[in-house]
Amino acid sequence: MVLLRTLRGPAYTRILGIGDYRPARIISNEELCRHIDSTDEWIQDRSGIQQRRQATPDESVVDMGTQAARAAMTYADLTGSDIDAVICATITHPYQTPAAAPMIAERLGTKNAAAFDLSAACAGYCYGVAVADDMVRSGRAEHVLVVGVEKLSDYRDLGDRGTAFIFGDGAGAAVIGPSATPGISATTWGSDGSGSAMISQSVSWTEAQERYAPASLDMPGDPARPDATVTDSLWPFIDMQGPSVFRWAATAVAPLCERALAAAGVTAQDIQVFIPHQANTRIVDTLVKKLRLPDHVVIADDITDMANTSAASIPLATAALLRSGRAHPGDLALQIGFGAGLTWAAQVVQLP
C-alpha cells in the first residue's frame, strides 16, 4: 500500500509583527452631523466615538491592506519572499473576483504565496489568526500574513442617523510564524446564522443602483467625497438593528471570552491586555464588568479615534497600544471579534 506524504510543522506559533494603516482624512462628529440630526455629545455618549478616518475615493482596500502588511513585515524583520500565505479579512473589497489577498501578495513581492479573502465581518481578523495558526502548526506554511482591512465609508448611508456615525476606514495586519513557546492559544469561535438580519446588507447591488442612482443627480455630496451623494449610492448600505445588536453583544460575548480564557488555560488575572472588537464603548464597558477584569488590565479604546472598522479594528487597536507604550511586547492579550453573521472568534495571544 502506498502511504501518502503529509506535513508536520512546529508545535507552537506566535505573532511576530503587527502593523497598521490609518487614512489621513479625519472626519469629526461635528462634520458628520451635517448629514444627520445628531450632535457630538449624543454620538460620544452612545458609542464613545469622537472621530473616524476616511479613505480617499481612489484609495482601495488593497492599497490600505498593503500598507498595513508592509508595516507588520518590517516589525517582524521579514520581506515578501518570507511570506508563504496571505489571508485578507474584509467585507468591503468591492469585487467577487479577483480577491484582495492575491493583489496584496503581489505588491508585497511574495513568491507565489497562497492568498485568499476571508469574510467573517468583525470577527474576520481573529478567524484569520486561527487559520494562520493552524497553517503554521500543520507545516502548510512558515509565515502567514493576516490582514484586516475595511473601507466602510463606501457602504455607509450618510442619511441614517443610527449608523452613519459608526463606521470608519483603516487596515491592520499581523505576521504569524513558528515559536519555541506557545504564543497563540486555541481559538474559540462559532456562528449563529439566526441573527443574520441584525447586521446585514440593506439591499442587493442591483436594487441599490435602481433605488438610489437616480436620486444622485439632485442630492448634495459628501464634502469629503465630491463624487458621492448623501446616500453613497454606488454600493448597497450596511444596515444594523442597533438595540438588538447591543443586547446580543452585552449578553453573549462575555461567556465567549470566558470560554477563550479557559481554552488558553489562563484566567482574567493572568492577562495584561484586553482587545475586543472596537464596536461600542458601552459594550466594552459591559464586558469588562462581566469578566471582572483586574485594574491592571489595559483596555483597548481605539474606537474613540477610528470608530468601528470591522475586521481591521483589533489589529489597529493592538498597534496603537504597542506604539503608545500602554501595552508591551510579551504581554498576554485576550482578543475577541464579534459581529455580522453572527460570527465570533477569540484567542489569547502574546503581543510581539
Protein backbone atom coordinates (compact mmCIF):
# COMPACT_ATOMS: atom_id res chain seq x y z
CA MET A 1 0.00 0.00 0.00
CA VAL A 2 1.30 3.47 -0.90
CA LEU A 3 1.42 5.88 2.04
CA LEU A 4 0.75 9.47 1.13
CA ARG A 5 3.08 12.11 2.41
CA THR A 6 1.72 14.62 4.88
CA LEU A 7 3.09 17.71 6.54
CA ARG A 8 4.07 18.36 10.13
CA GLY A 9 5.01 21.76 11.48
CA PRO A 10 6.16 23.34 14.73
CA ALA A 11 4.20 22.79 17.93
CA TYR A 12 3.72 26.50 18.64
CA THR A 13 3.18 29.80 16.88
CA ARG A 14 3.19 33.47 17.79
CA ILE A 15 2.57 36.91 16.32
CA LEU A 16 5.94 38.07 15.00
CA GLY A 17 4.92 41.53 13.85
CA ILE A 18 1.99 43.93 13.84
CA GLY A 19 1.28 46.92 11.61
CA ASP A 20 -1.46 49.38 10.77
CA TYR A 21 -2.52 51.98 8.24
CA ARG A 22 -4.77 54.95 9.07
CA PRO A 23 -6.07 57.15 6.24
CA ALA A 24 -5.07 60.78 6.55
CA ARG A 25 -8.58 62.22 6.32
CA ILE A 26 -10.17 62.73 9.77
CA ILE A 27 -13.95 63.13 9.96
CA SER A 28 -15.10 64.69 13.23
CA ASN A 29 -18.51 64.11 14.74
CA GLU A 30 -19.37 67.73 14.07
CA GLU A 31 -18.65 67.35 10.36
CA LEU A 32 -20.64 64.13 10.15
CA CYS A 33 -23.60 65.78 11.86
CA ARG A 34 -24.06 68.00 8.80
CA HIS A 35 -25.79 64.96 7.31
CA ILE A 36 -27.80 63.67 10.27
CA ASP A 37 -29.91 65.15 13.05
CA SER A 38 -27.43 64.47 15.86
CA THR A 39 -24.71 66.05 17.98
CA ASP A 40 -21.16 65.29 19.01
CA GLU A 41 -22.34 64.82 22.60
CA TRP A 42 -25.02 62.30 21.61
CA ILE A 43 -22.62 60.27 19.45
CA GLN A 44 -19.95 60.11 22.14
CA ASP A 45 -22.49 59.17 24.79
CA ARG A 46 -23.97 56.38 22.67
CA SER A 47 -20.78 54.97 21.18
CA GLY A 48 -17.63 56.61 22.55
CA ILE A 49 -16.67 57.68 19.03
CA GLN A 50 -15.05 61.11 18.69
CA GLN A 51 -13.83 60.85 15.09
CA ARG A 52 -13.14 58.39 12.31
CA ARG A 53 -10.75 58.06 9.36
CA GLN A 54 -11.94 58.07 5.77
CA ALA A 55 -10.01 56.83 2.77
CA THR A 56 -9.83 58.92 -0.37
CA PRO A 57 -12.10 57.93 -3.29
CA ASP A 58 -9.20 56.30 -5.12
CA GLU A 59 -7.74 54.59 -2.02
CA SER A 60 -8.74 50.93 -2.10
CA VAL A 61 -8.89 48.03 0.32
CA VAL A 62 -5.83 46.65 -1.49
CA ASP A 63 -3.93 49.93 -1.06
CA MET A 64 -4.64 50.14 2.67
CA GLY A 65 -4.07 46.45 3.32
CA THR A 66 -0.71 46.55 1.55
CA GLN A 67 0.45 49.48 3.71
CA ALA A 68 -0.50 47.71 6.95
CA ALA A 69 1.09 44.47 5.74
CA ARG A 70 4.38 46.19 4.96
CA ALA A 71 4.43 47.70 8.46
CA ALA A 72 3.84 44.27 10.02
CA MET A 73 6.58 42.69 7.93
CA THR A 74 9.01 45.45 8.90
CA TYR A 75 8.14 44.87 12.57
CA ALA A 76 8.88 41.15 12.09
CA ASP A 77 12.05 41.86 10.05
CA LEU A 78 10.71 39.84 7.12
CA THR A 79 10.40 40.50 3.40
CA GLY A 80 7.86 39.38 0.83
CA SER A 81 9.95 36.33 -0.04
CA ASP A 82 9.48 35.07 3.54
CA ILE A 83 5.66 35.07 3.32
CA ASP A 84 4.04 31.77 2.36
CA ALA A 85 0.38 32.79 2.57
CA VAL A 86 -1.72 35.95 2.76
CA ILE A 87 -5.17 35.99 4.36
CA CYS A 88 -7.22 39.16 3.88
CA ALA A 89 -10.17 39.55 6.24
CA THR A 90 -12.59 42.08 4.74
CA ILE A 91 -16.23 42.65 3.81
CA THR A 92 -15.64 45.78 1.75
CA HIS A 93 -13.48 44.63 -1.18
CA PRO A 94 -15.90 45.58 -3.98
CA TYR A 95 -15.23 42.56 -6.22
CA GLN A 96 -16.29 38.93 -6.06
CA THR A 97 -13.13 38.21 -8.02
CA PRO A 98 -10.24 38.82 -8.06
CA ALA A 99 -9.89 38.68 -4.27
CA ALA A 100 -7.90 41.37 -2.48
CA ALA A 101 -5.34 38.97 -0.97
CA PRO A 102 -3.60 37.93 -4.22
CA MET A 103 -3.21 41.58 -5.22
CA ILE A 104 -1.78 42.43 -1.81
CA ALA A 105 0.59 39.44 -2.06
CA GLU A 106 1.79 40.56 -5.48
CA ARG A 107 2.51 44.10 -4.27
CA LEU A 108 4.50 42.71 -1.34
CA GLY A 109 6.76 40.71 -3.67
CA THR A 110 5.84 37.29 -2.31
CA LYS A 111 6.97 34.24 -4.27
CA ASN A 112 3.66 32.76 -5.41
CA ALA A 113 2.23 32.82 -1.90
CA ALA A 114 -1.16 31.27 -1.33
CA ALA A 115 -3.67 34.08 -0.94
CA PHE A 116 -7.38 34.26 -0.21
CA ASP A 117 -10.01 36.55 1.28
CA LEU A 118 -11.95 35.68 4.41
CA SER A 119 -15.42 37.11 5.06
CA ALA A 120 -16.39 37.00 8.73
CA ALA A 121 -17.03 40.71 9.27
CA CYS A 122 -15.92 41.97 12.69
CA ALA A 123 -14.65 38.51 13.67
CA GLY A 124 -12.61 38.26 10.48
CA TYR A 125 -9.19 39.10 11.92
CA CYS A 126 -9.49 36.59 14.77
CA TYR A 127 -10.72 33.98 12.27
CA GLY A 128 -7.64 34.76 10.20
CA VAL A 129 -5.31 34.37 13.19
CA ALA A 130 -6.90 30.97 13.92
CA VAL A 131 -6.43 29.80 10.33
CA ALA A 132 -2.86 31.11 10.20
CA ASP A 133 -2.03 29.37 13.49
CA ASP A 134 -3.32 26.07 12.08
CA MET A 135 -1.44 26.54 8.81
CA VAL A 136 1.90 27.08 10.52
CA ARG A 137 1.47 24.28 13.05
CA SER A 138 0.42 21.85 10.29
CA GLY A 139 3.52 22.65 8.26
CA ARG A 140 1.48 24.14 5.44
CA ALA A 141 3.29 27.48 5.78
CA GLU A 142 6.11 29.01 7.82
CA HIS A 143 4.97 32.63 7.81
CA VAL A 144 1.37 33.72 7.24
CA LEU A 145 0.31 37.33 6.84
CA VAL A 146 -3.16 38.15 8.23
CA VAL A 147 -4.62 41.46 7.03
CA GLY A 148 -7.80 43.03 8.39
CA VAL A 149 -8.92 45.93 6.22
CA GLU A 150 -12.15 47.81 5.58
CA LYS A 151 -13.33 50.76 3.53
CA LEU A 152 -16.70 51.04 5.23
CA SER A 153 -17.29 54.59 4.03
CA ASP A 154 -18.30 53.07 0.68
CA TYR A 155 -21.12 51.13 2.37
CA ARG A 156 -22.38 53.80 4.75
CA ASP A 157 -25.73 55.55 4.50
CA LEU A 158 -24.95 59.13 5.47
CA GLY A 159 -28.65 59.78 5.91
CA ASP A 160 -29.17 57.05 8.52
CA ARG A 161 -28.94 58.61 11.98
CA GLY A 162 -28.49 55.19 13.59
CA THR A 163 -25.48 54.02 11.56
CA ALA A 164 -23.86 56.97 9.75
CA PHE A 165 -21.53 57.81 12.65
CA ILE A 166 -20.45 54.24 13.43
CA PHE A 167 -18.11 53.24 10.64
CA GLY A 168 -14.53 54.14 9.73
CA ASP A 169 -11.80 53.07 7.31
CA GLY A 170 -8.40 51.52 8.02
CA ALA A 171 -6.19 48.45 7.98
CA GLY A 172 -4.19 46.34 10.40
CA ALA A 173 -2.01 43.30 9.84
CA ALA A 174 -0.06 40.62 11.69
CA VAL A 175 2.59 38.11 10.72
CA ILE A 176 2.10 34.65 12.26
CA GLY A 177 5.09 32.32 12.45
CA PRO A 178 6.74 29.49 14.39
CA SER A 179 7.64 29.84 18.07
CA ALA A 180 9.60 27.83 20.63
CA THR A 181 6.86 28.52 23.20
CA PRO A 182 3.08 28.95 22.90
CA GLY A 183 2.22 32.44 21.64
CA ILE A 184 -1.31 31.85 20.33
CA SER A 185 -3.85 29.82 22.26
CA ALA A 186 -6.55 27.54 20.92
CA THR A 187 -9.27 29.64 19.32
CA THR A 188 -12.88 29.72 20.49
CA TRP A 189 -15.09 30.51 17.51
CA GLY A 190 -18.53 29.99 16.10
CA SER A 191 -21.56 31.46 14.37
CA ASP A 192 -25.31 31.86 14.69
CA GLY A 193 -27.00 32.49 11.38
CA SER A 194 -30.36 33.00 13.06
CA GLY A 195 -29.15 36.51 13.93
CA SER A 196 -28.03 37.38 10.41
CA ALA A 197 -30.65 40.11 9.98
CA MET A 198 -29.20 42.14 12.88
CA ILE A 199 -26.30 43.40 10.74
CA SER A 200 -26.77 42.98 7.02
CA GLN A 201 -26.58 44.50 3.57
CA SER A 202 -29.61 46.73 3.13
CA VAL A 203 -30.39 45.86 -0.48
CA SER A 204 -28.82 43.94 -3.34
CA TRP A 205 -26.31 45.54 -5.70
CA THR A 206 -28.95 45.80 -8.44
CA GLU A 207 -31.55 47.23 -6.08
CA ALA A 208 -29.07 49.85 -4.88
CA GLN A 209 -28.47 51.05 -8.42
CA GLU A 210 -32.19 51.19 -9.21
CA ARG A 211 -33.25 52.78 -5.93
CA TYR A 212 -30.54 55.37 -5.34
CA ALA A 213 -28.73 56.17 -8.58
CA PRO A 214 -31.48 58.42 -10.00
CA ALA A 215 -31.52 60.47 -6.79
CA SER A 216 -27.80 61.12 -7.08
CA LEU A 217 -28.48 63.70 -9.77
CA ASP A 218 -30.18 66.02 -7.31
CA MET A 219 -28.68 65.29 -3.90
CA PRO A 220 -25.70 67.20 -2.44
CA GLY A 221 -22.44 65.34 -1.97
CA ASP A 222 -20.32 64.42 1.00
CA PRO A 223 -17.68 67.21 1.31
CA ALA A 224 -15.02 64.56 1.89
CA ARG A 225 -16.04 62.71 -1.29
CA PRO A 226 -17.22 65.09 -4.01
CA ASP A 227 -18.13 62.15 -6.27
CA ALA A 228 -20.55 60.61 -3.73
CA THR A 229 -24.08 61.55 -2.80
CA VAL A 230 -25.57 61.79 0.68
CA THR A 231 -26.81 58.23 0.17
CA ASP A 232 -23.43 56.97 -1.05
CA SER A 233 -25.40 55.39 -3.86
CA LEU A 234 -22.62 53.40 -5.54
CA TRP A 235 -22.95 50.46 -3.14
CA PRO A 236 -25.64 48.80 -1.00
CA PHE A 237 -25.65 50.07 2.57
CA ILE A 238 -24.78 48.19 5.72
CA ASP A 239 -27.87 48.18 7.89
CA MET A 240 -27.91 47.42 11.62
CA GLN A 241 -30.56 46.79 14.26
CA GLY A 242 -28.65 48.69 16.94
CA PRO A 243 -30.63 47.77 20.07
CA SER A 244 -30.73 44.07 19.12
CA VAL A 245 -27.00 44.01 18.40
CA PHE A 246 -26.27 45.71 21.71
CA ARG A 247 -28.38 43.22 23.67
CA TRP A 248 -26.74 40.26 21.93
CA ALA A 249 -23.20 41.56 22.46
CA ALA A 250 -23.87 42.55 26.08
CA THR A 251 -25.21 39.10 26.97
CA ALA A 252 -23.44 36.62 24.68
CA VAL A 253 -19.88 37.91 24.28
CA ALA A 254 -18.69 37.76 27.92
CA PRO A 255 -19.29 33.97 28.13
CA LEU A 256 -17.38 33.59 24.86
CA CYS A 257 -14.45 35.47 26.43
CA GLU A 258 -14.58 33.15 29.43
CA ARG A 259 -14.51 30.12 27.14
CA ALA A 260 -11.49 31.56 25.33
CA LEU A 261 -9.63 32.12 28.60
CA ALA A 262 -10.41 28.56 29.69
CA ALA A 263 -9.26 27.17 26.33
CA ALA A 264 -5.97 29.04 26.80
CA GLY A 265 -5.55 27.68 30.33
CA VAL A 266 -5.46 31.15 31.90
CA THR A 267 -7.75 33.37 33.95
CA ALA A 268 -8.63 37.04 33.79
CA GLN A 269 -5.95 37.62 36.43
CA ASP A 270 -3.26 36.34 34.05
CA ILE A 271 -3.79 38.70 31.14
CA GLN A 272 -2.35 42.20 30.82
CA VAL A 273 -4.40 43.48 27.88
CA PHE A 274 -7.99 43.15 26.64
CA ILE A 275 -8.53 43.90 22.93
CA PRO A 276 -12.18 43.45 22.00
CA HIS A 277 -13.61 44.42 18.63
CA GLN A 278 -14.00 48.19 18.72
CA ALA A 279 -17.77 48.31 18.25
CA ASN A 280 -19.04 50.50 21.07
CA THR A 281 -17.54 51.68 24.36
CA ARG A 282 -20.72 50.79 26.22
CA ILE A 283 -20.40 47.18 25.03
CA VAL A 284 -16.73 47.12 26.02
CA ASP A 285 -17.50 48.57 29.48
CA THR A 286 -20.17 45.89 29.96
CA LEU A 287 -17.71 43.14 29.01
CA VAL A 288 -15.07 44.47 31.41
CA LYS A 289 -17.57 44.42 34.28
CA LYS A 290 -18.94 40.97 33.49
CA LEU A 291 -15.45 39.48 33.15
CA ARG A 292 -14.35 41.18 36.38
CA LEU A 293 -11.09 42.22 34.77
CA PRO A 294 -8.46 43.39 37.29
CA ASP A 295 -7.47 47.05 37.36
CA HIS A 296 -4.06 46.25 35.87
CA VAL A 297 -5.59 45.08 32.57
CA VAL A 298 -5.21 47.65 29.78
CA ILE A 299 -8.42 48.03 27.76
CA ALA A 300 -8.17 48.91 24.06
CA ASP A 301 -10.05 52.11 23.22
CA ASP A 302 -9.11 52.79 19.60
CA ILE A 303 -12.79 53.29 18.77
CA THR A 304 -12.59 56.89 20.02
CA ASP A 305 -10.33 57.83 17.11
CA MET A 306 -11.11 55.19 14.47
CA ALA A 307 -14.79 54.29 15.02
CA ASN A 308 -15.86 50.76 14.04
CA THR A 309 -13.51 49.37 11.39
CA SER A 310 -14.89 45.80 11.45
CA ALA A 311 -12.15 43.28 10.54
CA ALA A 312 -9.45 45.94 10.93
CA SER A 313 -10.36 47.04 14.45
CA ILE A 314 -8.39 44.54 16.55
CA PRO A 315 -5.03 44.83 14.72
CA LEU A 316 -5.45 48.62 14.56
CA ALA A 317 -6.06 48.73 18.32
CA THR A 318 -3.15 46.37 19.01
CA ALA A 319 -0.73 48.50 17.00
CA ALA A 320 -1.92 51.65 18.78
CA LEU A 321 -1.44 50.12 22.24
CA LEU A 322 2.09 48.97 21.44
CA ARG A 323 3.05 52.28 19.81
CA SER A 324 1.80 54.29 22.79
CA GLY A 325 3.59 52.08 25.34
CA ARG A 326 0.34 51.20 27.10
CA ALA A 327 0.95 47.57 26.10
CA HIS A 328 4.32 45.87 25.82
CA PRO A 329 5.94 43.05 23.85
CA GLY A 330 5.34 39.78 25.66
CA ASP A 331 2.09 40.88 27.31
CA LEU A 332 -0.73 38.35 27.27
CA ALA A 333 -3.77 39.77 25.48
CA LEU A 334 -7.28 38.43 25.15
CA GLN A 335 -8.69 39.44 21.77
CA ILE A 336 -12.23 38.81 20.56
CA GLY A 337 -14.05 39.76 17.39
CA PHE A 338 -17.82 39.58 17.12
CA GLY A 339 -20.45 40.88 14.76
CA ALA A 340 -22.27 40.28 11.50
CA GLY A 341 -23.11 36.75 10.61
CA LEU A 342 -23.49 36.46 13.52
CA THR A 343 -19.88 35.35 13.96
CA TRP A 344 -17.34 35.39 16.77
CA ALA A 345 -13.77 34.29 17.45
CA ALA A 346 -11.41 34.78 20.38
CA GLN A 347 -7.92 33.73 21.42
CA VAL A 348 -5.23 34.69 23.93
CA VAL A 349 -2.04 35.88 22.25
CA GLN A 350 1.36 37.05 23.33
CA LEU A 351 2.00 40.50 21.89
CA PRO A 352 5.01 40.80 19.59
